[in-house]
Amino acid sequence: MQRLKINQDIRPMSEFRSGVASFLKQVHDTKRPLVITQHGKGVAVLLDVNEFEVMQDKIELYEDLEKSISQLEAGSGISHDDARKQALKRINK
């Protein structure tokens, strides 16, 4: 996901309502999120669907890594050789 450009990617709800199609195109073309404000405060973020899916994949990966680290710290990990054997066994089925 591209970095937010403050002067282009934060819009009030009134502008969003009147220009929904152009803002959807902007989000799709730039791959940057659009922050929608109401009474000067952020209330929503509009994301390109593909960027959202990439973000979800990254979150799942980070969660898996965090879980793995916790398991290793708790002493429930297995050696590299054992993990390799188990993976190869699954592949060769």
PDB file of N, CA and C in Angstrom:
ATOM      1  N   MET A   1       0.849  -1.173   0.000  1.00  0.00           N
ATOM      2  CA  MET A   1       0.000   0.000   0.000  1.00  0.00           C
ATOM      3  C   MET A   1       0.897   1.239   0.000  1.00  0.00           C
ATOM      4  N   GLN A   2       0.547   2.184  -0.815  1.00  0.00           N
ATOM      5  CA  GLN A   2       1.291   3.438  -0.888  1.00  0.00           C
ATOM      6  C   GLN A   2       1.024   4.281   0.366  1.00  0.00           C
ATOM      7  N   ARG A   3       1.995   5.140   0.692  1.00  0.00           N
ATOM      8  CA  ARG A   3       1.835   6.039   1.827  1.00  0.00           C
ATOM      9  C   ARG A   3       0.765   7.079   1.544  1.00  0.00           C
ATOM     10  N   LEU A   4       0.064   7.440   2.581  1.00  0.00           N
ATOM     11  CA  LEU A   4      -0.967   8.467   2.528  1.00  0.00           C
ATOM     12  C   LEU A   4      -0.341   9.819   2.207  1.00  0.00           C
ATOM     13  N   LYS A   5      -0.957  10.581   1.324  1.00  0.00           N
ATOM     14  CA  LYS A   5      -0.542  11.957   1.047  1.00  0.00           C
ATOM     15  C   LYS A   5      -1.594  12.865   1.685  1.00  0.00           C
ATOM     16  N   ILE A   6      -1.193  13.509   2.764  1.00  0.00           N
ATOM     17  CA  ILE A   6      -2.123  14.272   3.592  1.00  0.00           C
ATOM     18  C   ILE A   6      -2.968  15.254   2.774  1.00  0.00           C
ATOM     19  N   ASN A   7      -2.347  15.966   1.861  1.00  0.00           N
ATOM     20  CA  ASN A   7      -3.087  16.994   1.117  1.00  0.00           C
ATOM     21  C   ASN A   7      -4.028  16.419   0.057  1.00  0.00           C
ATOM     22  N   GLN A   8      -3.897  15.144  -0.269  1.00  0.00           N
ATOM     23  CA  GLN A   8      -4.737  14.541  -1.304  1.00  0.00           C
ATOM     24  C   GLN A   8      -5.660  13.448  -0.780  1.00  0.00           C
ATOM     25  N   ASP A   9      -5.308  12.845   0.338  1.00  0.00           N
ATOM     26  CA  ASP A   9      -5.992  11.616   0.759  1.00  0.00           C
ATOM     27  C   ASP A   9      -6.812  11.748   2.039  1.00  0.00           C
ATOM     28  N   ILE A  10      -7.092  12.962   2.449  1.00  0.00           N
ATOM     29  CA  ILE A  10      -7.996  13.184   3.578  1.00  0.00           C
ATOM     30  C   ILE A  10      -9.080  14.129   3.082  1.00  0.00           C
ATOM     31  N   ARG A  11     -10.308  13.643   3.103  1.00  0.00           N
ATOM     32  CA  ARG A  11     -11.426  14.413   2.557  1.00  0.00           C
ATOM     33  C   ARG A  11     -12.609  14.406   3.514  1.00  0.00           C
ATOM     34  N   PRO A  12     -13.319  15.527   3.571  1.00  0.00           N
ATOM     35  CA  PRO A  12     -14.518  15.566   4.412  1.00  0.00           C
ATOM     36  C   PRO A  12     -15.651  14.754   3.790  1.00  0.00           C
ATOM     37  N   MET A  13     -16.542  14.316   4.641  1.00  0.00           N
ATOM     38  CA  MET A  13     -17.695  13.518   4.212  1.00  0.00           C
ATOM     39  C   MET A  13     -18.496  14.235   3.129  1.00  0.00           C
ATOM     40  N   SER A  14     -18.652  15.546   3.234  1.00  0.00           N
ATOM     41  CA  SER A  14     -19.443  16.284   2.238  1.00  0.00           C
ATOM     42  C   SER A  14     -18.830  16.160   0.848  1.00  0.00           C
ATOM     43  N   GLU A  15     -17.506  16.254   0.735  1.00  0.00           N
ATOM     44  CA  GLU A  15     -16.842  16.075  -0.567  1.00  0.00           C
ATOM     45  C   GLU A  15     -16.970  14.637  -1.039  1.00  0.00           C
ATOM     46  N   PHE A  16     -16.852  13.694  -0.121  1.00  0.00           N
ATOM     47  CA  PHE A  16     -16.947  12.282  -0.479  1.00  0.00           C
ATOM     48  C   PHE A  16     -18.325  11.970  -1.057  1.00  0.00           C
ATOM     49  N   ARG A  17     -19.371  12.472  -0.394  1.00  0.00           N
ATOM     50  CA  ARG A  17     -20.738  12.227  -0.869  1.00  0.00           C
ATOM     51  C   ARG A  17     -20.939  12.730  -2.297  1.00  0.00           C
ATOM     52  N   SER A  18     -20.410  13.896  -2.580  1.00  0.00           N
ATOM     53  CA  SER A  18     -20.657  14.485  -3.896  1.00  0.00           C
ATOM     54  C   SER A  18     -19.723  13.939  -4.981  1.00  0.00           C
ATOM     55  N   GLY A  19     -18.657  13.240  -4.591  1.00  0.00           N
ATOM     56  CA  GLY A  19     -17.716  12.755  -5.592  1.00  0.00           C
ATOM     57  C   GLY A  19     -17.284  11.325  -5.393  1.00  0.00           C
ATOM     58  N   VAL A  20     -18.204  10.475  -4.974  1.00  0.00           N
ATOM     59  CA  VAL A  20     -17.878   9.081  -4.670  1.00  0.00           C
ATOM     60  C   VAL A  20     -17.126   8.405  -5.808  1.00  0.00           C
ATOM     61  N   ALA A  21     -17.626   8.519  -7.018  1.00  0.00           N
ATOM     62  CA  ALA A  21     -17.001   7.826  -8.157  1.00  0.00           C
ATOM     63  C   ALA A  21     -15.557   8.280  -8.360  1.00  0.00           C
ATOM     64  N   SER A  22     -15.307   9.579  -8.255  1.00  0.00           N
ATOM     65  CA  SER A  22     -13.940  10.068  -8.474  1.00  0.00           C
ATOM     66  C   SER A  22     -13.011   9.608  -7.350  1.00  0.00           C
ATOM     67  N   PHE A  23     -13.530   9.516  -6.131  1.00  0.00           N
ATOM     68  CA  PHE A  23     -12.695   9.048  -5.021  1.00  0.00           C
ATOM     69  C   PHE A  23     -12.413   7.553  -5.127  1.00  0.00           C
ATOM     70  N   LEU A  24     -13.382   6.783  -5.594  1.00  0.00           N
ATOM     71  CA  LEU A  24     -13.150   5.354  -5.838  1.00  0.00           C
ATOM     72  C   LEU A  24     -12.066   5.174  -6.898  1.00  0.00           C
ATOM     73  N   LYS A  25     -12.120   5.975  -7.942  1.00  0.00           N
ATOM     74  CA  LYS A  25     -11.107   5.916  -8.996  1.00  0.00           C
ATOM     75  C   LYS A  25      -9.737   6.310  -8.440  1.00  0.00           C
ATOM     76  N   GLN A  26      -9.695   7.341  -7.621  1.00  0.00           N
ATOM     77  CA  GLN A  26      -8.441   7.780  -7.023  1.00  0.00           C
ATOM     78  C   GLN A  26      -7.810   6.673  -6.193  1.00  0.00           C
ATOM     79  N   VAL A  27      -8.600   6.028  -5.360  1.00  0.00           N
ATOM     80  CA  VAL A  27      -8.095   4.950  -4.501  1.00  0.00           C
ATOM     81  C   VAL A  27      -7.597   3.786  -5.359  1.00  0.00           C
ATOM     82  N   HIS A  28      -8.344   3.456  -6.392  1.00  0.00           N
ATOM     83  CA  HIS A  28      -7.941   2.363  -7.279  1.00  0.00           C
ATOM     84  C   HIS A  28      -6.641   2.702  -8.025  1.00  0.00           C
ATOM     85  N   ASP A  29      -6.557   3.912  -8.554  1.00  0.00           N
ATOM     86  CA  ASP A  29      -5.403   4.312  -9.366  1.00  0.00           C
ATOM     87  C   ASP A  29      -4.135   4.511  -8.539  1.00  0.00           C
ATOM     88  N   THR A  30      -4.262   5.129  -7.369  1.00  0.00           N
ATOM     89  CA  THR A  30      -3.075   5.464  -6.572  1.00  0.00           C
ATOM     90  C   THR A  30      -2.658   4.352  -5.626  1.00  0.00           C
ATOM     91  N   LYS A  31      -3.578   3.440  -5.317  1.00  0.00           N
ATOM     92  CA  LYS A  31      -3.346   2.375  -4.334  1.00  0.00           C
ATOM     93  C   LYS A  31      -3.112   2.946  -2.930  1.00  0.00           C
ATOM     94  N   ARG A  32      -3.523   4.201  -2.732  1.00  0.00           N
ATOM     95  CA  ARG A  32      -3.408   4.826  -1.415  1.00  0.00           C
ATOM     96  C   ARG A  32      -4.781   4.848  -0.760  1.00  0.00           C
ATOM     97  N   PRO A  33      -4.833   4.733   0.563  1.00  0.00           N
ATOM     98  CA  PRO A  33      -6.122   4.821   1.244  1.00  0.00           C
ATOM     99  C   PRO A  33      -6.639   6.256   1.231  1.00  0.00           C
ATOM    100  N   LEU A  34      -7.931   6.407   1.413  1.00  0.00           N
ATOM    101  CA  LEU A  34      -8.566   7.710   1.519  1.00  0.00           C
ATOM    102  C   LEU A  34      -9.217   7.800   2.892  1.00  0.00           C
ATOM    103  N   VAL A  35      -8.836   8.798   3.663  1.00  0.00           N
ATOM    104  CA  VAL A  35      -9.415   9.006   4.992  1.00  0.00           C
ATOM    105  C   VAL A  35     -10.593   9.960   4.836  1.00  0.00           C
ATOM    106  N   ILE A  36     -11.730   9.564   5.355  1.00  0.00           N
ATOM    107  CA  ILE A  36     -12.933  10.392   5.286  1.00  0.00           C
ATOM    108  C   ILE A  36     -13.169  10.969   6.673  1.00  0.00           C
ATOM    109  N   THR A  37     -13.369  12.283   6.721  1.00  0.00           N
ATOM    110  CA  THR A  37     -13.553  12.957   8.006  1.00  0.00           C
ATOM    111  C   THR A  37     -14.984  13.461   8.146  1.00  0.00           C
ATOM    112  N   GLN A  38     -15.377  13.629   9.380  1.00  0.00           N
ATOM    113  CA  GLN A  38     -16.674  14.212   9.701  1.00  0.00           C
ATOM    114  C   GLN A  38     -16.450  15.113  10.907  1.00  0.00           C
ATOM    115  N   HIS A  39     -16.805  16.356  10.769  1.00  0.00           N
ATOM    116  CA  HIS A  39     -16.570  17.358  11.822  1.00  0.00           C
ATOM    117  C   HIS A  39     -15.092  17.418  12.200  1.00  0.00           C
ATOM    118  N   GLY A  40     -14.228  17.276  11.188  1.00  0.00           N
ATOM    119  CA  GLY A  40     -12.793  17.400  11.393  1.00  0.00           C
ATOM    120  C   GLY A  40     -12.094  16.191  11.990  1.00  0.00           C
ATOM    121  N   LYS A  41     -12.818  15.094  12.173  1.00  0.00           N
ATOM    122  CA  LYS A  41     -12.224  13.886  12.753  1.00  0.00           C
ATOM    123  C   LYS A  41     -12.366  12.724  11.780  1.00  0.00           C
ATOM    124  N   GLY A  42     -11.337  11.874  11.719  1.00  0.00           N
ATOM    125  CA  GLY A  42     -11.389  10.707  10.860  1.00  0.00           C
ATOM    126  C   GLY A  42     -12.470   9.739  11.297  1.00  0.00           C
ATOM    127  N   VAL A  43     -13.318   9.315  10.351  1.00  0.00           N
ATOM    128  CA  VAL A  43     -14.400   8.381  10.677  1.00  0.00           C
ATOM    129  C   VAL A  43     -14.357   7.096   9.854  1.00  0.00           C
ATOM    130  N   ALA A  44     -13.632   7.115   8.723  1.00  0.00           N
ATOM    131  CA  ALA A  44     -13.584   5.921   7.874  1.00  0.00           C
ATOM    132  C   ALA A  44     -12.355   5.988   6.980  1.00  0.00           C
ATOM    133  N   VAL A  45     -11.970   4.804   6.479  1.00  0.00           N
ATOM    134  CA  VAL A  45     -10.869   4.698   5.525  1.00  0.00           C
ATOM    135  C   VAL A  45     -11.358   3.867   4.348  1.00  0.00           C
ATOM    136  N   LEU A  46     -11.154   4.379   3.149  1.00  0.00           N
ATOM    137  CA  LEU A  46     -11.527   3.675   1.931  1.00  0.00           C
ATOM    138  C   LEU A  46     -10.255   3.095   1.320  1.00  0.00           C
ATOM    139  N   LEU A  47     -10.263   1.778   1.071  1.00  0.00           N
ATOM    140  CA  LEU A  47      -9.101   1.087   0.516  1.00  0.00           C
ATOM    141  C   LEU A  47      -9.463   0.389  -0.783  1.00  0.00           C
ATOM    142  N   ASP A  48      -8.481   0.291  -1.676  1.00  0.00           N
ATOM    143  CA  ASP A  48      -8.621  -0.539  -2.856  1.00  0.00           C
ATOM    144  C   ASP A  48      -8.745  -1.993  -2.396  1.00  0.00           C
ATOM    145  N   VAL A  49      -9.614  -2.764  -3.001  1.00  0.00           N
ATOM    146  CA  VAL A  49      -9.873  -4.129  -2.551  1.00  0.00           C
ATOM    147  C   VAL A  49      -8.615  -4.998  -2.597  1.00  0.00           C
ATOM    148  N   ASN A  50      -7.799  -4.843  -3.628  1.00  0.00           N
ATOM    149  CA  ASN A  50      -6.577  -5.644  -3.706  1.00  0.00           C
ATOM    150  C   ASN A  50      -5.592  -5.260  -2.608  1.00  0.00           C
ATOM    151  N   GLU A  51      -5.493  -3.968  -2.317  1.00  0.00           N
ATOM    152  CA  GLU A  51      -4.626  -3.509  -1.236  1.00  0.00           C
ATOM    153  C   GLU A  51      -5.117  -4.046   0.105  1.00  0.00           C
ATOM    154  N   PHE A  52      -6.433  -4.107   0.274  1.00  0.00           N
ATOM    155  CA  PHE A  52      -7.016  -4.654   1.500  1.00  0.00           C
ATOM    156  C   PHE A  52      -6.650  -6.131   1.656  1.00  0.00           C
ATOM    157  N   GLU A  53      -6.744  -6.897   0.565  1.00  0.00           N
ATOM    158  CA  GLU A  53      -6.411  -8.321   0.617  1.00  0.00           C
ATOM    159  C   GLU A  53      -4.935  -8.534   0.948  1.00  0.00           C
ATOM    160  N   VAL A  54      -4.060  -7.724   0.365  1.00  0.00           N
ATOM    161  CA  VAL A  54      -2.626  -7.807   0.676  1.00  0.00           C
ATOM    162  C   VAL A  54      -2.400  -7.514   2.156  1.00  0.00           C
ATOM    163  N   MET A  55      -3.077  -6.496   2.650  1.00  0.00           N
ATOM    164  CA  MET A  55      -2.957  -6.137   4.059  1.00  0.00           C
ATOM    165  C   MET A  55      -3.428  -7.289   4.960  1.00  0.00           C
ATOM    166  N   GLN A  56      -4.532  -7.925   4.601  1.00  0.00           N
ATOM    167  CA  GLN A  56      -5.038  -9.055   5.371  1.00  0.00           C
ATOM    168  C   GLN A  56      -4.042 -10.215   5.371  1.00  0.00           C
ATOM    169  N   ASP A  57      -3.442 -10.494   4.221  1.00  0.00           N
ATOM    170  CA  ASP A  57      -2.437 -11.559   4.133  1.00  0.00           C
ATOM    171  C   ASP A  57      -1.249 -11.269   5.052  1.00  0.00           C
ATOM    172  N   LYS A  58      -0.805 -10.020   5.061  1.00  0.00           N
ATOM    173  CA  LYS A  58       0.322  -9.638   5.921  1.00  0.00           C
ATOM    174  C   LYS A  58      -0.033  -9.788   7.389  1.00  0.00           C
ATOM    175  N   ILE A  59      -1.233  -9.390   7.757  1.00  0.00           N
ATOM    176  CA  ILE A  59      -1.674  -9.515   9.155  1.00  0.00           C
ATOM    177  C   ILE A  59      -1.677 -10.986   9.566  1.00  0.00           C
ATOM    178  N   GLU A  60      -2.203 -11.859   8.704  1.00  0.00           N
ATOM    179  CA  GLU A  60      -2.227 -13.290   9.011  1.00  0.00           C
ATOM    180  C   GLU A  60      -0.808 -13.839   9.171  1.00  0.00           C
ATOM    181  N   LEU A  61       0.110 -13.404   8.307  1.00  0.00           N
ATOM    182  CA  LEU A  61       1.493 -13.848   8.410  1.00  0.00           C
ATOM    183  C   LEU A  61       2.109 -13.397   9.731  1.00  0.00           C
ATOM    184  N   TYR A  62       1.897 -12.139  10.098  1.00  0.00           N
ATOM    185  CA  TYR A  62       2.435 -11.630  11.365  1.00  0.00           C
ATOM    186  C   TYR A  62       1.837 -12.372  12.562  1.00  0.00           C
ATOM    187  N   GLU A  63       0.557 -12.687  12.486  1.00  0.00           N
ATOM    188  CA  GLU A  63      -0.073 -13.447  13.566  1.00  0.00           C
ATOM    189  C   GLU A  63       0.538 -14.847  13.675  1.00  0.00           C
ATOM    190  N   ASP A  64       0.777 -15.491  12.528  1.00  0.00           N
ATOM    191  CA  ASP A  64       1.414 -16.811  12.525  1.00  0.00           C
ATOM    192  C   ASP A  64       2.821 -16.741  13.104  1.00  0.00           C
ATOM    193  N   LEU A  65       3.569 -15.701  12.733  1.00  0.00           N
ATOM    194  CA  LEU A  65       4.926 -15.531  13.270  1.00  0.00           C
ATOM    195  C   LEU A  65       4.898 -15.319  14.776  1.00  0.00           C
ATOM    196  N   GLU A  66       3.972 -14.501  15.233  1.00  0.00           N
ATOM    197  CA  GLU A  66       3.847 -14.248  16.673  1.00  0.00           C
ATOM    198  C   GLU A  66       3.518 -15.532  17.424  1.00  0.00           C
ATOM    199  N   LYS A  67       2.616 -16.328  16.865  1.00  0.00           N
ATOM    200  CA  LYS A  67       2.239 -17.604  17.480  1.00  0.00           C
ATOM    201  C   LYS A  67       3.444 -18.547  17.518  1.00  0.00           C
ATOM    202  N   SER A  68       4.200 -18.592  16.427  1.00  0.00           N
ATOM    203  CA  SER A  68       5.378 -19.459  16.355  1.00  0.00           C
ATOM    204  C   SER A  68       6.425 -19.054  17.381  1.00  0.00           C
ATOM    205  N   ILE A  69       6.664 -17.763  17.504  1.00  0.00           N
ATOM    206  CA  ILE A  69       7.639 -17.277  18.490  1.00  0.00           C
ATOM    207  C   ILE A  69       7.199 -17.639  19.899  1.00  0.00           C
ATOM    208  N   SER A  70       5.915 -17.473  20.189  1.00  0.00           N
ATOM    209  CA  SER A  70       5.392 -17.831  21.511  1.00  0.00           C
ATOM    210  C   SER A  70       5.566 -19.318  21.791  1.00  0.00           C
ATOM    211  N   GLN A  71       5.309 -20.150  20.784  1.00  0.00           N
ATOM    212  CA  GLN A  71       5.470 -21.593  20.947  1.00  0.00           C
ATOM    213  C   GLN A  71       6.934 -21.950  21.200  1.00  0.00           C
ATOM    214  N   LEU A  72       7.844 -21.311  20.466  1.00  0.00           N
ATOM    215  CA  LEU A  72       9.274 -21.577  20.667  1.00  0.00           C
ATOM    216  C   LEU A  72       9.720 -21.145  22.059  1.00  0.00           C
ATOM    217  N   GLU A  73       9.248 -19.968  22.484  1.00  0.00           N
ATOM    218  CA  GLU A  73       9.610 -19.472  23.817  1.00  0.00           C
ATOM    219  C   GLU A  73       9.062 -20.372  24.921  1.00  0.00           C
ATOM    220  N   ALA A  74       7.940 -21.039  24.651  1.00  0.00           N
ATOM    221  CA  ALA A  74       7.339 -21.943  25.636  1.00  0.00           C
ATOM    222  C   ALA A  74       7.982 -23.325  25.589  1.00  0.00           C
ATOM    223  N   GLY A  75       8.918 -23.517  24.669  1.00  0.00           N
ATOM    224  CA  GLY A  75       9.612 -24.796  24.580  1.00  0.00           C
ATOM    225  C   GLY A  75       8.879 -25.857  23.792  1.00  0.00           C
ATOM    226  N   SER A  76       7.874 -25.467  23.028  1.00  0.00           N
ATOM    227  CA  SER A  76       7.114 -26.473  22.287  1.00  0.00           C
ATOM    228  C   SER A  76       7.506 -26.543  20.815  1.00  0.00           C
ATOM    229  N   GLY A  77       8.645 -25.991  20.469  1.00  0.00           N
ATOM    230  CA  GLY A  77       9.111 -26.041  19.084  1.00  0.00           C
ATOM    231  C   GLY A  77       9.780 -27.379  18.784  1.00  0.00           C
ATOM    232  N   ILE A  78      10.065 -27.614  17.511  1.00  0.00           N
ATOM    233  CA  ILE A  78      10.777 -28.821  17.107  1.00  0.00           C
ATOM    234  C   ILE A  78      12.033 -28.407  16.341  1.00  0.00           C
ATOM    235  N   SER A  79      12.953 -29.323  16.211  1.00  0.00           N
ATOM    236  CA  SER A  79      14.207 -29.016  15.517  1.00  0.00           C
ATOM    237  C   SER A  79      13.962 -28.805  14.029  1.00  0.00           C
ATOM    238  N   HIS A  80      14.913 -28.163  13.393  1.00  0.00           N
ATOM    239  CA  HIS A  80      14.825 -27.922  11.951  1.00  0.00           C
ATOM    240  C   HIS A  80      14.739 -29.245  11.193  1.00  0.00           C
ATOM    241  N   ASP A  81      15.555 -30.205  11.585  1.00  0.00           N
ATOM    242  CA  ASP A  81      15.556 -31.502  10.894  1.00  0.00           C
ATOM    243  C   ASP A  81      14.203 -32.196  11.007  1.00  0.00           C
ATOM    244  N   ASP A  82      13.616 -32.164  12.214  1.00  0.00           N
ATOM    245  CA  ASP A  82      12.296 -32.787  12.394  1.00  0.00           C
ATOM    246  C   ASP A  82      11.228 -32.065  11.563  1.00  0.00           C
ATOM    247  N   ALA A  83      11.294 -30.748  11.543  1.00  0.00           N
ATOM    248  CA  ALA A  83      10.320 -29.981  10.757  1.00  0.00           C
ATOM    249  C   ALA A  83      10.467 -30.308   9.277  1.00  0.00           C
ATOM    250  N   ARG A  84      11.700 -30.417   8.815  1.00  0.00           N
ATOM    251  CA  ARG A  84      11.959 -30.748   7.409  1.00  0.00           C
ATOM    252  C   ARG A  84      11.408 -32.130   7.070  1.00  0.00           C
ATOM    253  N   LYS A  85      11.637 -33.099   7.951  1.00  0.00           N
ATOM    254  CA  LYS A  85      11.140 -34.454   7.723  1.00  0.00           C
ATOM    255  C   LYS A  85       9.616 -34.471   7.649  1.00  0.00           C
ATOM    256  N   GLN A  86       8.982 -33.746   8.563  1.00  0.00           N
ATOM    257  CA  GLN A  86       7.514 -33.697   8.565  1.00  0.00           C
ATOM    258  C   GLN A  86       6.973 -33.039   7.292  1.00  0.00           C
ATOM    259  N   ALA A  87       7.632 -31.971   6.849  1.00  0.00           N
ATOM    260  CA  ALA A  87       7.196 -31.282   5.629  1.00  0.00           C
ATOM    261  C   ALA A  87       7.356 -32.184   4.418  1.00  0.00           C
ATOM    262  N   LEU A  88       8.495 -32.849   4.320  1.00  0.00           N
ATOM    263  CA  LEU A  88       8.733 -33.755   3.185  1.00  0.00           C
ATOM    264  C   LEU A  88       7.757 -34.916   3.191  1.00  0.00           C
ATOM    265  N   LYS A  89       7.445 -35.405   4.373  1.00  0.00           N
ATOM    266  CA  LYS A  89       6.490 -36.515   4.504  1.00  0.00           C
ATOM    267  C   LYS A  89       5.111 -36.082   3.967  1.00  0.00           C
ATOM    268  N   ARG A  90       4.703 -34.855   4.283  1.00  0.00           N
ATOM    269  CA  ARG A  90       3.416 -34.344   3.791  1.00  0.00           C
ATOM    270  C   ARG A  90       3.424 -34.183   2.278  1.00  0.00           C
ATOM    271  N   ILE A  91       4.529 -33.700   1.754  1.00  0.00           N
ATOM    272  CA  ILE A  91       4.631 -33.461   0.305  1.00  0.00           C
ATOM    273  C   ILE A  91       4.596 -34.785  -0.469  1.00  0.00           C
ATOM    274  N   ASN A  92       5.228 -35.796   0.066  1.00  0.00           N
ATOM    275  CA  ASN A  92       5.367 -37.070  -0.642  1.00  0.00           C
ATOM    276  C   ASN A  92       4.155 -37.977  -0.510  1.00  0.00           C
ATOM    277  N   LYS A  93       3.144 -37.567   0.176  1.00  0.00           N
ATOM    278  CA  LYS A  93       1.938 -38.415   0.315  1.00  0.00           C
ATOM    279  C   LYS A  93       1.211 -38.551  -0.974  1.00  0.00           C
TER     280      LYS A  93
END
